Protein backbone atom coordinates (compact mmCIF):
# COMPACT_ATOMS: atom_id res chain seq x y z
CA UNK A 1 70.17 -50.91 14.17
CA UNK A 2 69.68 -52.41 10.74
CA UNK A 3 72.53 -52.86 8.19
CA UNK A 4 73.71 -49.86 6.23
CA UNK A 5 71.52 -49.19 3.23
CA UNK A 6 68.41 -50.76 4.82
CA UNK A 7 65.99 -48.10 3.64
CA UNK A 8 67.20 -46.92 0.25
CA UNK A 9 63.80 -47.61 -1.28
CA UNK A 10 62.02 -45.60 1.42
CA UNK A 11 63.50 -42.27 0.42
CA UNK A 12 62.85 -42.80 -3.26
CA UNK A 13 59.14 -42.60 -2.40
CA UNK A 14 58.32 -39.74 -3.33
CA UNK A 15 75.88 -19.05 13.92
CA UNK A 16 74.75 -17.31 15.83
CA UNK A 17 71.92 -16.18 13.69
CA UNK A 18 70.67 -19.76 13.46
CA UNK A 19 70.94 -20.29 17.19
CA UNK A 20 68.78 -17.21 17.69
CA UNK A 21 66.11 -18.62 15.32
CA UNK A 22 66.14 -22.27 16.42
CA UNK A 23 67.16 -23.35 19.91
CA UNK A 24 67.74 -26.85 18.57
CA UNK A 25 65.44 -29.06 16.50
CA UNK A 26 62.35 -31.22 16.80
CA UNK A 27 60.46 -33.00 14.08
CA UNK A 28 56.74 -33.58 14.48
CA UNK A 29 54.10 -34.65 12.03
CA UNK A 30 52.01 -31.61 12.96
CA UNK A 31 54.40 -29.50 10.87
CA UNK A 32 56.26 -27.76 13.67
CA UNK A 33 59.56 -28.29 15.38
CA UNK A 34 60.78 -27.25 18.76
CA UNK A 35 64.03 -28.66 20.12
CA UNK A 36 64.16 -32.32 19.27
CA UNK A 37 62.88 -34.65 16.60
CA UNK A 38 59.59 -36.50 16.81
CA UNK A 39 58.49 -38.73 13.97
CA UNK A 40 54.77 -39.23 13.57
CA UNK A 41 51.35 -37.86 14.44
CA UNK A 42 51.29 -40.15 17.42
CA UNK A 43 54.60 -38.72 18.70
CA UNK A 44 54.20 -35.13 19.97
CA UNK A 45 57.24 -32.97 20.63
CA UNK A 46 58.34 -31.78 24.09
CA UNK A 47 58.87 -28.16 24.99
CA UNK A 48 62.24 -26.72 23.88
CA UNK A 49 65.09 -26.71 26.39
CA UNK A 50 66.90 -23.47 27.15
CA UNK A 51 69.92 -22.53 25.00
CA UNK A 52 73.19 -24.05 26.10
CA UNK A 53 76.75 -22.82 26.08
CA UNK A 54 78.74 -23.52 22.92
CA UNK A 55 81.31 -26.32 23.05
CA UNK A 56 84.33 -25.85 20.79
CA UNK A 57 83.45 -26.30 17.12
CA UNK A 58 85.05 -29.30 15.41
CA UNK A 59 88.26 -28.46 13.56
CA UNK A 60 88.19 -28.67 9.77
CA UNK A 61 89.85 -31.75 8.31
CA UNK A 62 93.27 -31.22 6.77
CA UNK A 63 92.01 -31.92 3.27
CA UNK A 64 89.36 -29.14 3.45
CA UNK A 65 90.86 -25.64 3.36
CA UNK A 66 88.76 -23.08 5.13
CA UNK A 67 88.46 -20.96 1.98
CA UNK A 68 86.70 -23.80 0.09
CA UNK A 69 83.14 -22.61 -0.42
CA UNK A 70 80.52 -22.16 -3.14
CA UNK A 71 78.21 -19.26 -3.95
CA UNK A 72 74.64 -19.56 -2.62
CA UNK A 73 72.31 -21.87 -4.54
CA UNK A 74 69.31 -23.75 -3.20
CA UNK A 75 69.65 -27.53 -2.76
CA UNK A 76 67.43 -29.91 -4.71
CA UNK A 77 68.51 -33.46 -3.74
CA UNK A 78 70.64 -35.27 -1.18
CA UNK A 79 72.51 -38.56 -1.59
CA UNK A 80 74.26 -40.49 1.17
CA UNK A 81 75.71 -43.58 -0.56
CA UNK A 82 76.96 -45.31 2.59
CA UNK A 83 73.40 -45.74 3.90
CA UNK A 84 71.52 -45.88 0.59
CA UNK A 85 69.79 -42.51 0.90
CA UNK A 86 68.51 -40.55 -2.08
CA UNK A 87 65.88 -37.89 -1.46
CA UNK A 88 64.42 -34.83 -3.06
CA UNK A 89 64.98 -31.93 -0.68
CA UNK A 90 61.94 -30.05 0.53
CA UNK A 91 62.31 -26.70 2.30
CA UNK A 92 61.19 -25.85 5.80
CA UNK A 93 61.14 -22.54 7.61
CA UNK A 94 59.66 -21.15 10.80
CA UNK A 95 56.11 -21.26 12.09
CA UNK A 96 54.42 -18.12 13.48
CA UNK A 97 55.55 -19.38 16.91
CA UNK A 98 59.18 -19.34 15.69
CA UNK A 99 59.58 -23.08 15.78
CA UNK A 100 61.00 -25.01 12.86
CA UNK A 101 58.67 -26.54 10.31
CA UNK A 102 59.21 -30.17 9.33
CA UNK A 103 58.29 -32.47 6.43
CA UNK A 104 54.64 -33.51 6.65
CA UNK A 105 51.91 -35.09 4.58
CA UNK A 106 53.01 -36.55 1.22
CA UNK A 107 56.55 -35.23 1.85
CA UNK A 108 56.91 -36.82 5.28
CA UNK A 109 59.62 -39.23 4.09
CA UNK A 110 61.66 -36.57 2.24
CA UNK A 111 64.59 -34.77 3.79
CA UNK A 112 64.30 -30.98 4.05
CA UNK A 113 66.71 -28.06 4.01
CA UNK A 114 66.12 -25.42 6.69
CA UNK A 115 65.93 -22.34 4.47
CA UNK A 116 67.07 -19.95 7.20
CA UNK A 117 70.45 -21.70 7.18
CA UNK A 118 73.11 -21.20 4.47
CA UNK A 119 72.67 -23.14 1.25
CA UNK A 120 74.83 -26.29 1.23
CA UNK A 121 78.34 -25.40 0.09
CA UNK A 122 78.12 -21.73 1.10
CA UNK A 123 80.02 -20.61 4.22
CA UNK A 124 78.29 -21.54 7.45
CA UNK A 125 76.26 -24.50 8.76
CA UNK A 126 73.69 -25.74 6.24
CA UNK A 127 71.00 -27.71 8.08
CA UNK A 128 69.12 -30.67 6.60
CA UNK A 129 66.56 -32.53 8.68
CA UNK A 130 64.57 -35.73 8.25
CA UNK A 131 62.41 -38.15 10.15
CA UNK A 132 63.81 -41.42 11.48
CA UNK A 133 60.54 -43.36 11.22
CA UNK A 134 56.81 -43.16 11.74
CA UNK A 135 54.32 -45.26 13.66
CA UNK A 136 52.27 -45.76 10.51
CA UNK A 137 54.97 -46.57 7.93
CA UNK A 138 58.15 -47.58 9.77
CA UNK A 139 61.63 -46.46 8.62
CA UNK A 140 61.90 -43.01 7.08
CA UNK A 141 64.63 -41.11 5.22
CA UNK A 142 67.18 -40.81 8.06
CA UNK A 143 66.52 -44.18 9.70
CA UNK A 144 70.16 -45.25 9.29
CA UNK A 145 71.76 -41.86 9.89
CA UNK A 146 73.59 -43.00 13.02
CA UNK A 147 75.33 -45.71 10.95
CA UNK A 148 77.43 -43.09 9.16
CA UNK A 149 81.13 -43.07 9.95
CA UNK A 150 83.96 -40.55 9.67
CA UNK A 151 85.00 -40.26 6.03
CA UNK A 152 81.61 -41.16 4.51
CA UNK A 153 80.39 -38.70 1.91
CA UNK A 154 77.17 -36.69 1.61
CA UNK A 155 76.36 -35.25 -1.81
CA UNK A 156 73.96 -32.34 -2.18
CA UNK A 157 72.90 -31.38 -5.70
CA UNK A 158 72.11 -27.68 -6.04
CA UNK A 159 69.93 -25.63 -8.36
CA UNK A 160 73.04 -24.26 -10.12
CA UNK A 161 73.98 -27.79 -11.22
CA UNK A 162 76.92 -28.13 -8.83
CA UNK A 163 77.13 -31.06 -6.44
CA UNK A 164 78.52 -30.07 -3.04
CA UNK A 165 80.44 -33.04 -1.62
CA UNK A 166 80.77 -33.16 2.16
CA UNK A 167 82.86 -35.59 4.19
CA UNK A 168 81.59 -36.75 7.57
CA UNK A 169 83.71 -35.52 10.48
CA UNK A 170 81.66 -36.94 13.36
CA UNK A 171 78.33 -38.52 14.27
CA UNK A 172 77.06 -37.71 17.75
CA UNK A 173 73.95 -38.30 19.79
CA UNK A 174 72.70 -35.77 22.35
CA UNK A 175 69.92 -35.89 24.95
CA UNK A 176 67.10 -33.66 23.83
CA UNK A 177 67.17 -31.80 27.12
CA UNK A 178 70.90 -31.06 26.70
CA UNK A 179 71.15 -30.22 23.01
CA UNK A 180 74.35 -28.30 22.02
CA UNK A 181 72.57 -25.45 20.23
CA UNK A 182 75.59 -23.26 19.52
CA UNK A 183 77.72 -26.17 18.31
CA UNK A 184 75.09 -27.30 15.80
CA UNK A 185 73.66 -23.97 14.65
CA UNK A 186 76.45 -21.51 15.40
CA UNK A 187 78.17 -19.61 12.58
CA UNK A 188 81.34 -21.03 11.06
CA UNK A 189 83.89 -19.52 8.66
CA UNK A 190 83.77 -22.55 6.37
CA UNK A 191 81.11 -24.52 4.51
CA UNK A 192 79.75 -27.26 6.75
CA UNK A 193 76.66 -29.45 6.89
CA UNK A 194 74.49 -30.71 9.74
CA UNK A 195 72.12 -33.66 9.29
CA UNK A 196 69.64 -34.09 12.15
CA UNK A 197 67.13 -36.74 13.16
CA UNK A 198 65.87 -38.63 16.23
CA UNK A 199 67.76 -41.33 18.05
CA UNK A 200 68.23 -43.19 21.27
CA UNK A 201 65.44 -44.78 23.28
CA UNK A 202 61.80 -44.22 22.39
CA UNK A 203 59.79 -43.14 25.42
CA UNK A 204 56.28 -44.58 24.98
CA UNK A 205 54.81 -42.42 27.72
CA UNK A 206 56.15 -39.17 26.25
CA UNK A 207 55.71 -40.58 22.70
CA UNK A 208 59.06 -39.35 21.42
CA UNK A 209 62.71 -40.35 21.22
CA UNK A 210 64.96 -39.16 24.01
CA UNK A 211 67.92 -38.11 21.86
CA UNK A 212 68.89 -36.35 18.65
CA UNK A 213 71.45 -37.73 16.20
CA UNK A 214 73.60 -35.06 14.53
CA UNK A 215 76.01 -35.66 11.66
CA UNK A 216 78.78 -33.05 11.27
CA UNK A 217 80.33 -32.82 7.81
CA UNK A 218 82.65 -30.43 5.96
CA UNK A 219 82.71 -29.44 2.29
CA UNK A 220 85.67 -31.10 0.55
CA UNK A 221 84.93 -30.48 -3.14
CA UNK A 222 82.29 -29.75 -5.74
CA UNK A 223 81.56 -31.55 -8.97
């Protein structure tokens, strides 16, 4: 893993209802997503695993009352100071096959908000995804995501001019064939954020990473 902030210049380049729509998450350069995250044209995605039972959701931090939430407003940028990330936020939805779209083409290195999740700051789990790297260009927007630590902040600027400030509660890595769907996508009664990318060992025969990295964060204020 490279030092925090390694790829700041890269990103400047350019629940229940969620669990029912996305069994987990996969990034692929073909513009679709299944259950995990692939990163380039040369790295196809595996078939999605079956849904899994929901582990207990993480408790809100003491400094974040459950009633803290913002009205809906679409996100426009994301900043993660601890790892040097600044990115315009694209939007992704679902393909006709009901798999998640992912950033592709000229927007490959941008992060993207999954528009079938709540807007960041509104009650529920807002989902933002990004590639970890690509075979052609190397590190991408979420290359250092696993370097985040509890207490780091994620700032999402919204179309209404408000900046939703989230504090990281946990950073976990899950095998792609045992992804905790309900924990990541399940409904919550507070405003939370999930950042998702690839992680773990790259399997050259399958041409994808074996794990997903998920950052869990909770809204603590707006500015």
